Amino acid sequence: MGKVARNHLPVNLNLNVRGLAQSSTLAINERSRQLIGEGKQIFRFGLGQSPFPVPEPVVESLRQHAHEKDYLPVKGLYQLREAVAGFNFRNQKIDTHPENVLVGPGSKELIFILQLVYYGDLIIPTPSWVSYFPQARIIGRHVHWVPTRAVDGYRLSPEKLDMICRTDPNRPRVVILNYPSNPTGCTYPLEKLRDLAIVARKYQVVLISDEIYGMIHHQGQHVSIARYYPEGTIISSGLSKWCGAGGWRLGTFSFPKELNWLRDAMAIVASETYTSTSAPIQYAAVTAFQENDFIDDYLDKSRRILRYLAKIIRNRLEVHHIQVPMPQGGFYLFPDFDYYREKLKEKGILTSVELCEILLEETGVAMLPGVDFGHQPEELLARMAYVDFDGSNALNKVSGYYADKKLTEDFIENDCPNIWQGIQCLTDWFDAL
C-alpha cells in the first residue's frame, strides 16, 4: 500500500493549537541562521540567548558527571534542590526547604505544567514573554492581558491588578510577574513589589515570579516579591540567562510550604511526561547554584558589560527619535518607532510585523515585533536582544584591558562589532526615510 500524502491527511488539530505558529523567538533564530547560510549579513537581535559562556567550574562539573546515567527523582536531585534553597537564602533571604524545590527541563516547561494542573485564569501584563499566552491557549485557559505604559516602565500596577480581581474576588487566578522583564529589561521598585504583594494576598492569587533574569540585574540589586508575599509566590529560575546555559534546559520552581499541593500535582504530571531532568545537567547545576567566587566574578563582569551596552545603545537610538525605556536588567531593549509612523505609512508599513520584516530585508537587523509580546499590530514596537557579540572575548577584555578603566564606545566598536554596525544600519535606515 502506498503512503498517504501528508497534505491529504484530515486536519484534526485541537482547536487550542490550530492557528498557533512556532515560538517566534525560535523562528527568528532559525531564519537568521538560514539567511546567514545564504551569505547575507544578519545582526542577530532576535533570539534572547546569553552571549556569555557557561562558567568554567560548571562546565568542569558537567565533565565530571558525564557518566551519570540513572533516572533521577521526578522532583530533582536532592543535592541540587539543597543548592537552590541555599541560593534563594543567600541572594534573597528567602527560607526555602529543599523539599519545596521542583527541577524541570527548563522553567518554560514548569510554567506550562503549572497552568495545566491549576485551574485558574492567567493574568499577564502587556508586553510579556512570547510563550505565556500560547501556553495558556494550548491548555485552554482564559488570559487576561493587562495593558501597561512605557512611562511607567511597562509595569503591572497594583491598582490594575486589584481592579481585575475585585470583579470576582474568589476566582482562582495565576499572575505571572517577569522581572527584569523580557522584552523591556525594566524591573520593579520595592514599593511597587510591596503594593502588588498586598493585592495578591488580598485575593489569594498564585503568583509566579519569573526571575530568570534576576541575577543579571545590572546593579546586582534584584529583589524577589516572595519576600513580601511568601505564602503565595513561586519563584521561577534556571540556568539559561545568568549562567549562559540555555541549551542545557534546566529550570527550577521554589514553592512555599502552603503550595505543596501544587508542587505535588506538578510532579505527578512530570512523572508521566518528561520523567526527570537530564542527570549530568542536574549534577553540574549543583555547582552553578552553590556559592562560588568564580561565578560571582563572572556575574559582576556580565552585569558591567550588559549595563554599558544598554546605556550606549539606548542613547544612540534616542538621538534618532526612537524612544526606549531604560532597562535595569537582562539584555533587551523595547524601542518604539512611532516618531516615524507617517513616513513608514508612505512606504506601506503599518504594523510592527511589516516593520520588522522590511528591516530584516533591507538592513539585516533581526528583531521581534511588539505584536509577539501582546501589543496591538499597529503599535510600532519591537524587541531588540543586544546579544550579538562574543561573550568570552568581552569577559576577557573587562578582566584585562578594561579591568581598571571605564568601558568606552571603543569597546563596543572593537569587541561588539555586530552590535555597533547593526545599530548604525538601523539608524541610517530611519534617517533616510
Protein backbone atom coordinates (compact mmCIF):
# COMPACT_ATOMS: atom_id res chain seq x y z
CA MET A 1 0.00 0.00 0.00
CA GLY A 2 1.35 3.42 -0.95
CA LYS A 3 1.91 6.14 1.63
CA VAL A 4 -0.78 8.72 2.14
CA ALA A 5 0.46 12.21 1.24
CA ARG A 6 0.76 14.37 4.31
CA ASN A 7 -1.27 17.20 2.79
CA HIS A 8 -4.16 14.78 2.22
CA LEU A 9 -4.47 13.82 5.86
CA PRO A 10 -7.55 15.18 7.66
CA VAL A 11 -6.84 18.30 9.68
CA ASN A 12 -7.97 17.32 13.17
CA LEU A 13 -5.74 19.51 15.29
CA ASN A 14 -7.09 20.54 18.67
CA LEU A 15 -8.70 23.96 18.29
CA ASN A 16 -6.42 25.27 21.04
CA VAL A 17 -3.41 24.54 18.81
CA ARG A 18 -4.76 25.41 15.38
CA GLY A 19 -3.57 28.82 14.29
CA LEU A 20 -0.53 28.82 16.58
CA ALA A 21 2.84 29.18 14.93
CA GLN A 22 6.27 28.10 16.11
CA SER A 23 7.60 30.17 19.02
CA SER A 24 8.64 33.47 17.48
CA THR A 25 11.97 33.58 19.31
CA LEU A 26 12.96 30.18 17.90
CA ALA A 27 11.60 31.06 14.47
CA ILE A 28 13.67 34.27 14.19
CA ASN A 29 16.77 32.35 15.27
CA GLU A 30 16.27 29.70 12.59
CA ARG A 31 15.51 32.31 9.96
CA SER A 32 18.62 34.28 10.88
CA ARG A 33 20.73 31.14 10.54
CA GLN A 34 19.20 30.46 7.14
CA LEU A 35 19.92 33.97 5.88
CA ILE A 36 23.49 33.84 7.19
CA GLY A 37 23.88 30.49 5.41
CA GLU A 38 22.81 32.24 2.20
CA GLY A 39 25.68 34.68 2.63
CA LYS A 40 23.72 37.65 3.99
CA GLN A 41 24.96 39.78 6.86
CA ILE A 42 22.46 39.48 9.68
CA PHE A 43 22.59 41.29 13.00
CA ARG A 44 21.07 38.78 15.38
CA PHE A 45 18.98 40.87 17.75
CA GLY A 46 16.10 38.39 17.66
CA LEU A 47 16.75 35.41 19.94
CA GLY A 48 17.38 36.26 23.59
CA GLN A 49 20.27 33.88 24.21
CA SER A 50 23.02 34.77 26.66
CA PRO A 51 26.20 35.68 24.79
CA PHE A 52 28.38 34.58 27.69
CA PRO A 53 29.93 31.11 28.06
CA VAL A 54 28.86 28.74 30.79
CA PRO A 55 31.23 29.40 33.75
CA GLU A 56 34.16 27.01 33.65
CA PRO A 57 33.54 25.43 37.10
CA VAL A 58 30.05 24.46 35.92
CA VAL A 59 31.40 23.04 32.65
CA GLU A 60 34.01 21.07 34.58
CA SER A 61 31.31 19.70 36.85
CA LEU A 62 29.42 18.51 33.75
CA ARG A 63 32.57 16.77 32.52
CA GLN A 64 32.98 15.04 35.85
CA HIS A 65 29.38 13.81 35.82
CA ALA A 66 29.00 12.86 32.16
CA HIS A 67 28.85 9.21 33.22
CA GLU A 68 25.70 9.71 35.31
CA LYS A 69 23.03 7.73 33.51
CA ASP A 70 20.36 6.83 36.04
CA TYR A 71 16.89 8.31 36.18
CA LEU A 72 16.85 10.85 38.98
CA PRO A 73 13.85 11.60 41.23
CA VAL A 74 10.97 13.33 39.48
CA LYS A 75 11.28 16.40 41.71
CA GLY A 76 15.00 16.58 41.07
CA LEU A 77 18.35 15.59 42.55
CA TYR A 78 18.14 16.33 46.28
CA GLN A 79 21.65 17.79 46.33
CA LEU A 80 20.58 20.26 43.63
CA ARG A 81 17.39 21.15 45.46
CA GLU A 82 19.53 21.89 48.54
CA ALA A 83 21.76 24.11 46.42
CA VAL A 84 18.75 26.02 45.04
CA ALA A 85 17.40 26.53 48.55
CA GLY A 86 20.78 27.88 49.63
CA PHE A 87 20.89 30.11 46.56
CA ASN A 88 17.49 31.59 47.47
CA PHE A 89 18.61 32.30 51.02
CA ARG A 90 21.98 33.83 50.06
CA ASN A 91 20.53 36.12 47.42
CA GLN A 92 17.06 36.92 48.76
CA LYS A 93 16.98 35.81 52.42
CA ILE A 94 14.10 33.53 51.49
CA ASP A 95 13.95 30.36 53.57
CA THR A 96 13.19 27.60 51.07
CA HIS A 97 13.20 23.95 52.14
CA PRO A 98 14.81 21.62 49.58
CA GLU A 99 11.63 19.52 49.60
CA ASN A 100 9.80 22.52 48.14
CA VAL A 101 12.04 22.84 45.08
CA LEU A 102 10.99 21.25 41.79
CA VAL A 103 13.52 20.78 38.97
CA GLY A 104 12.45 20.55 35.34
CA PRO A 105 13.84 20.67 31.78
CA GLY A 106 13.64 24.46 31.62
CA SER A 107 11.45 26.91 33.51
CA LYS A 108 9.33 27.13 30.35
CA GLU A 109 8.19 23.53 30.85
CA LEU A 110 7.46 24.12 34.53
CA ILE A 111 5.32 27.18 33.79
CA PHE A 112 3.37 25.13 31.27
CA ILE A 113 2.76 22.28 33.70
CA LEU A 114 1.61 24.67 36.42
CA GLN A 115 -1.02 26.10 34.09
CA LEU A 116 -2.04 22.56 33.21
CA VAL A 117 -2.64 21.40 36.79
CA TYR A 118 -4.05 24.61 38.29
CA TYR A 119 -7.45 25.68 37.05
CA GLY A 120 -7.29 29.45 37.04
CA ASP A 121 -7.28 32.46 34.76
CA LEU A 122 -3.90 33.74 33.67
CA ILE A 123 -3.12 37.41 34.28
CA ILE A 124 -0.13 38.83 32.44
CA PRO A 125 0.93 42.41 31.76
CA THR A 126 1.45 43.66 28.23
CA PRO A 127 4.16 43.32 26.99
CA SER A 128 5.06 39.85 28.21
CA TRP A 129 7.29 36.98 27.16
CA VAL A 130 6.14 35.34 23.95
CA SER A 131 5.26 31.90 25.36
CA TYR A 132 2.96 32.71 28.30
CA PHE A 133 -0.10 33.30 26.13
CA PRO A 134 0.40 30.40 23.67
CA GLN A 135 0.88 28.01 26.59
CA ALA A 136 -2.39 29.17 28.17
CA ARG A 137 -4.14 28.85 24.82
CA ILE A 138 -2.88 25.31 24.27
CA ILE A 139 -4.24 24.32 27.68
CA GLY A 140 -7.47 26.25 27.18
CA ARG A 141 -7.05 28.80 29.96
CA HIS A 142 -8.59 32.26 29.87
CA VAL A 143 -5.96 35.00 29.58
CA HIS A 144 -6.45 38.50 30.91
CA TRP A 145 -3.97 40.92 29.35
CA VAL A 146 -3.22 43.98 31.47
CA PRO A 147 -2.06 46.97 29.39
CA THR A 148 0.92 48.89 30.75
CA ARG A 149 2.62 52.12 29.67
CA ALA A 150 6.17 52.97 28.68
CA VAL A 151 6.13 55.98 31.01
CA ASP A 152 5.56 53.56 33.90
CA GLY A 153 8.31 51.20 32.78
CA TYR A 154 5.73 48.76 31.39
CA ARG A 155 4.99 47.56 34.94
CA LEU A 156 1.83 45.91 36.23
CA SER A 157 0.26 48.35 38.66
CA PRO A 158 -1.32 47.22 41.95
CA GLU A 159 -4.39 49.29 41.09
CA LYS A 160 -4.99 47.45 37.80
CA LEU A 161 -4.48 44.08 39.42
CA ASP A 162 -6.99 44.97 42.11
CA MET A 163 -9.47 46.20 39.51
CA ILE A 164 -9.35 42.83 37.72
CA CYS A 165 -9.64 40.73 40.86
CA ARG A 166 -12.37 42.66 42.65
CA THR A 167 -14.98 41.83 39.98
CA ASP A 168 -14.88 38.17 41.11
CA PRO A 169 -12.74 38.06 44.26
CA ASN A 170 -12.91 34.27 44.78
CA ARG A 171 -12.00 33.30 41.23
CA PRO A 172 -8.76 31.26 41.01
CA ARG A 173 -6.06 33.23 39.22
CA VAL A 174 -2.41 32.90 38.26
CA VAL A 175 -0.39 36.10 37.91
CA ILE A 176 2.95 35.94 36.11
CA LEU A 177 5.37 38.66 37.05
CA ASN A 178 8.57 38.58 34.98
CA TYR A 179 11.29 41.00 36.01
CA PRO A 180 13.77 42.17 34.94
CA SER A 181 11.40 41.91 32.03
CA ASN A 182 11.58 40.13 28.75
CA PRO A 183 11.05 42.14 26.50
CA THR A 184 11.71 45.52 28.19
CA GLY A 185 14.52 44.95 30.68
CA CYS A 186 12.54 47.01 33.19
CA THR A 187 12.07 45.95 36.81
CA TYR A 188 10.06 46.94 39.90
CA PRO A 189 10.97 49.32 42.73
CA LEU A 190 10.48 47.95 46.24
CA GLU A 191 7.33 49.96 46.96
CA LYS A 192 5.61 48.53 43.86
CA LEU A 193 6.51 45.00 44.90
CA ARG A 194 5.10 45.60 48.37
CA ASP A 195 1.87 47.03 46.96
CA LEU A 196 1.47 44.18 44.46
CA ALA A 197 2.02 41.71 47.28
CA ILE A 198 -0.79 43.30 49.29
CA VAL A 199 -3.22 42.89 46.38
CA ALA A 200 -2.06 39.33 45.64
CA ARG A 201 -2.59 38.34 49.27
CA LYS A 202 -6.00 40.04 49.37
CA TYR A 203 -7.28 37.83 46.54
CA GLN A 204 -5.07 34.78 47.26
CA VAL A 205 -3.70 34.64 43.74
CA VAL A 206 -0.98 32.17 42.83
CA LEU A 207 1.93 34.36 41.82
CA ILE A 208 4.67 33.05 39.54
CA SER A 209 7.66 35.31 39.96
CA ASP A 210 9.67 34.62 36.81
CA GLU A 211 13.13 35.70 37.95
CA ILE A 212 15.16 34.05 35.22
CA TYR A 213 16.96 37.40 34.66
CA GLY A 214 17.22 38.29 38.35
CA MET A 215 20.93 37.56 38.65
CA ILE A 216 21.70 39.87 35.74
CA HIS A 217 20.00 42.90 37.24
CA HIS A 218 22.50 45.47 36.01
CA GLN A 219 23.29 46.71 39.51
CA GLY A 220 23.06 43.30 41.16
CA GLN A 221 20.08 44.55 43.20
CA HIS A 222 17.24 42.24 42.21
CA VAL A 223 14.59 41.75 44.92
CA SER A 224 12.07 38.91 44.82
CA ILE A 225 8.43 39.66 45.54
CA ALA A 226 8.50 36.41 47.53
CA ARG A 227 9.96 38.49 50.36
CA TYR A 228 6.60 40.26 50.67
CA TYR A 229 4.16 37.51 49.62
CA PRO A 230 5.99 34.33 50.62
CA GLU A 231 2.92 32.14 51.12
CA GLY A 232 1.62 32.57 47.56
CA THR A 233 4.72 33.10 45.42
CA ILE A 234 6.51 30.50 43.32
CA ILE A 235 9.99 31.63 42.28
CA SER A 236 10.86 30.51 38.76
CA SER A 237 14.53 30.42 37.81
CA GLY A 238 17.06 28.33 35.91
CA LEU A 239 20.45 28.30 34.19
CA SER A 240 19.62 29.77 30.80
CA LYS A 241 20.15 33.52 31.24
CA TRP A 242 22.51 34.25 34.13
CA CYS A 243 24.59 31.09 33.65
CA GLY A 244 24.70 31.14 29.84
CA ALA A 245 23.27 27.61 29.62
CA GLY A 246 20.06 27.95 27.64
CA GLY A 247 20.60 24.75 25.69
CA TRP A 248 21.19 22.74 28.85
CA ARG A 249 17.46 23.04 29.62
CA LEU A 250 17.26 23.20 33.39
CA GLY A 251 14.70 25.22 35.32
CA THR A 252 13.63 25.40 38.95
CA PHE A 253 10.45 26.25 40.85
CA SER A 254 10.74 27.17 44.52
CA PHE A 255 7.41 26.77 46.35
CA PRO A 256 6.23 27.97 49.73
CA LYS A 257 5.02 25.17 52.00
CA GLU A 258 1.46 26.49 51.57
CA LEU A 259 1.58 25.41 47.91
CA ASN A 260 2.95 21.90 48.44
CA TRP A 261 -0.26 20.51 46.95
CA LEU A 262 0.51 22.33 43.71
CA ARG A 263 4.11 21.11 43.74
CA ASP A 264 2.91 17.53 44.16
CA ALA A 265 0.35 17.85 41.36
CA MET A 266 3.04 19.18 39.02
CA ALA A 267 5.33 16.29 39.98
CA ILE A 268 2.62 13.80 39.00
CA VAL A 269 2.38 15.35 35.52
CA ALA A 270 6.17 15.44 35.28
CA SER A 271 6.34 11.73 36.09
CA GLU A 272 4.03 10.97 33.17
CA THR A 273 5.72 13.32 30.68
CA TYR A 274 9.43 14.14 30.90
CA THR A 275 10.12 11.67 33.79
CA SER A 276 13.12 13.58 35.11
CA THR A 277 15.65 16.17 34.02
CA SER A 278 18.98 15.09 32.48
CA ALA A 279 21.17 13.59 35.20
CA PRO A 280 24.56 15.06 34.15
CA ILE A 281 22.98 18.52 33.81
CA GLN A 282 21.48 18.32 37.30
CA TYR A 283 24.79 17.34 38.88
CA ALA A 284 26.54 20.19 37.07
CA ALA A 285 23.82 22.63 38.15
CA VAL A 286 24.70 21.98 41.79
CA THR A 287 27.94 23.87 41.16
CA ALA A 288 26.09 26.74 39.48
CA PHE A 289 23.73 27.29 42.42
CA GLN A 290 26.33 26.86 45.16
CA GLU A 291 28.38 29.79 46.47
CA ASN A 292 31.37 30.27 44.18
CA ASP A 293 33.81 33.18 43.85
CA PHE A 294 34.42 32.44 40.16
CA ILE A 295 30.72 32.68 39.34
CA ASP A 296 30.34 35.84 41.44
CA ASP A 297 33.13 37.45 39.44
CA TYR A 298 31.60 36.18 36.19
CA LEU A 299 28.27 37.79 37.13
CA ASP A 300 29.89 41.09 38.10
CA LYS A 301 31.60 41.31 34.71
CA SER A 302 28.48 40.21 32.81
CA ARG A 303 26.41 42.90 34.52
CA ARG A 304 29.03 45.54 33.78
CA ILE A 305 29.03 44.70 30.07
CA LEU A 306 25.24 44.50 29.75
CA ARG A 307 24.72 47.71 31.72
CA TYR A 308 27.09 49.64 29.48
CA LEU A 309 25.70 48.23 26.24
CA ALA A 310 22.14 49.09 27.29
CA LYS A 311 23.10 52.66 28.09
CA ILE A 312 25.02 53.34 24.87
CA ILE A 313 22.56 51.61 22.52
CA ARG A 314 19.60 53.37 24.12
CA ASN A 315 21.34 56.76 23.85
CA ARG A 316 22.13 56.20 20.17
CA LEU A 317 18.55 55.20 19.41
CA GLU A 318 17.03 58.13 21.26
CA VAL A 319 19.23 60.60 19.35
CA HIS A 320 17.37 59.34 16.28
CA HIS A 321 13.93 59.83 17.91
CA ILE A 322 13.49 56.16 18.77
CA GLN A 323 12.11 56.05 22.30
CA VAL A 324 13.37 53.30 24.62
CA PRO A 325 12.58 52.79 28.33
CA MET A 326 15.81 52.44 30.28
CA PRO A 327 16.34 48.77 31.20
CA GLN A 328 17.60 47.79 34.63
CA GLY A 329 18.45 44.18 33.86
CA GLY A 330 18.64 41.41 31.30
CA PHE A 331 19.75 42.03 27.72
CA TYR A 332 16.72 43.53 25.99
CA LEU A 333 15.56 46.90 24.73
CA PHE A 334 11.99 47.64 23.66
CA PRO A 335 12.19 50.53 21.17
CA ASP A 336 9.16 52.48 19.97
CA PHE A 337 9.36 53.73 16.35
CA ASP A 338 6.16 55.77 16.48
CA TYR A 339 8.04 59.01 15.61
CA TYR A 340 8.40 57.64 12.05
CA ARG A 341 4.79 56.49 11.69
CA GLU A 342 3.84 58.85 8.85
CA LYS A 343 6.99 58.21 6.86
CA LEU A 344 6.58 54.48 7.33
CA LYS A 345 2.98 54.76 6.20
CA GLU A 346 4.19 56.29 2.96
CA LYS A 347 6.18 53.10 2.38
CA GLY A 348 3.12 50.96 3.12
CA ILE A 349 4.37 49.92 6.57
CA LEU A 350 1.52 49.94 9.08
CA THR A 351 2.33 47.24 11.61
CA SER A 352 5.22 46.08 13.78
CA VAL A 353 5.37 42.84 11.80
CA GLU A 354 5.75 44.71 8.49
CA LEU A 355 8.37 46.98 10.06
CA CYS A 356 10.49 44.10 11.35
CA GLU A 357 10.18 42.30 8.01
CA ILE A 358 11.46 45.23 5.97
CA LEU A 359 14.22 45.98 8.47
CA LEU A 360 15.45 42.41 8.23
CA GLU A 361 15.29 42.54 4.43
CA GLU A 362 16.90 45.95 3.92
CA THR A 363 19.29 46.28 6.89
CA GLY A 364 19.89 42.73 8.12
CA VAL A 365 18.69 43.70 11.60
CA ALA A 366 16.64 40.84 13.06
CA MET A 367 14.17 41.85 15.80
CA LEU A 368 10.82 40.61 17.06
CA PRO A 369 7.68 42.73 16.55
CA GLY A 370 5.73 44.07 19.50
CA VAL A 371 2.68 42.05 18.49
CA ASP A 372 4.52 38.89 19.60
CA PHE A 373 4.54 40.27 23.14
CA GLY A 374 0.84 41.09 23.34
CA HIS A 375 0.71 44.56 21.75
CA GLN A 376 -1.66 45.60 19.01
CA PRO A 377 -0.28 45.18 15.45
CA GLU A 378 -0.39 48.93 14.74
CA GLU A 379 1.85 49.75 17.69
CA LEU A 380 5.30 50.20 16.15
CA LEU A 381 7.23 48.38 18.86
CA ALA A 382 9.96 45.76 18.66
CA ARG A 383 12.19 43.79 20.96
CA MET A 384 15.92 44.07 20.50
CA ALA A 385 18.15 41.48 22.19
CA TYR A 386 21.59 43.07 22.31
CA VAL A 387 23.45 39.77 22.48
CA ASP A 388 25.18 39.53 19.08
CA PHE A 389 28.74 39.62 20.38
CA ASP A 390 31.46 37.25 21.54
CA GLY A 391 30.78 36.94 25.27
CA SER A 392 34.05 35.13 26.02
CA ASN A 393 36.08 37.88 24.39
CA ALA A 394 34.07 40.59 26.16
CA LEU A 395 34.64 38.96 29.56
CA ASN A 396 38.36 38.70 28.84
CA LYS A 397 38.52 42.38 27.90
CA VAL A 398 36.88 43.53 31.12
CA SER A 399 39.25 41.24 33.02
CA GLY A 400 42.26 42.63 31.17
CA TYR A 401 42.45 45.95 29.37
CA TYR A 402 39.26 47.37 30.89
CA ALA A 403 39.76 45.91 34.38
CA ASP A 404 40.56 49.31 35.88
CA LYS A 405 39.14 51.51 33.13
CA LYS A 406 35.68 52.70 32.20
CA LEU A 407 34.12 50.99 29.22
CA THR A 408 34.04 53.26 26.18
CA GLU A 409 32.44 53.22 22.75
CA ASP A 410 35.71 51.73 21.51
CA PHE A 411 34.80 48.61 23.48
CA ILE A 412 31.54 48.27 21.54
CA GLU A 413 33.07 49.16 18.18
CA ASN A 414 36.02 46.79 18.53
CA ASP A 415 34.71 44.00 20.75
CA CYS A 416 30.98 44.03 19.92
CA PRO A 417 31.20 44.96 16.22
CA ASN A 418 27.90 43.36 15.17
CA ILE A 419 26.04 45.45 17.72
CA TRP A 420 27.86 48.61 16.66
CA GLN A 421 27.24 48.00 12.94
CA GLY A 422 23.70 46.77 13.45
CA ILE A 423 22.64 49.88 15.35
CA GLN A 424 24.32 52.03 12.70
CA CYS A 425 22.47 50.26 9.89
CA LEU A 426 19.19 50.61 11.79
CA THR A 427 19.53 54.33 12.49
CA ASP A 428 20.80 55.07 8.96
CA TRP A 429 17.71 53.40 7.54
CA PHE A 430 15.38 55.56 9.61
CA ASP A 431 17.37 58.70 8.84
CA ALA A 432 16.89 58.01 5.13
CA LEU A 433 13.10 57.80 5.31
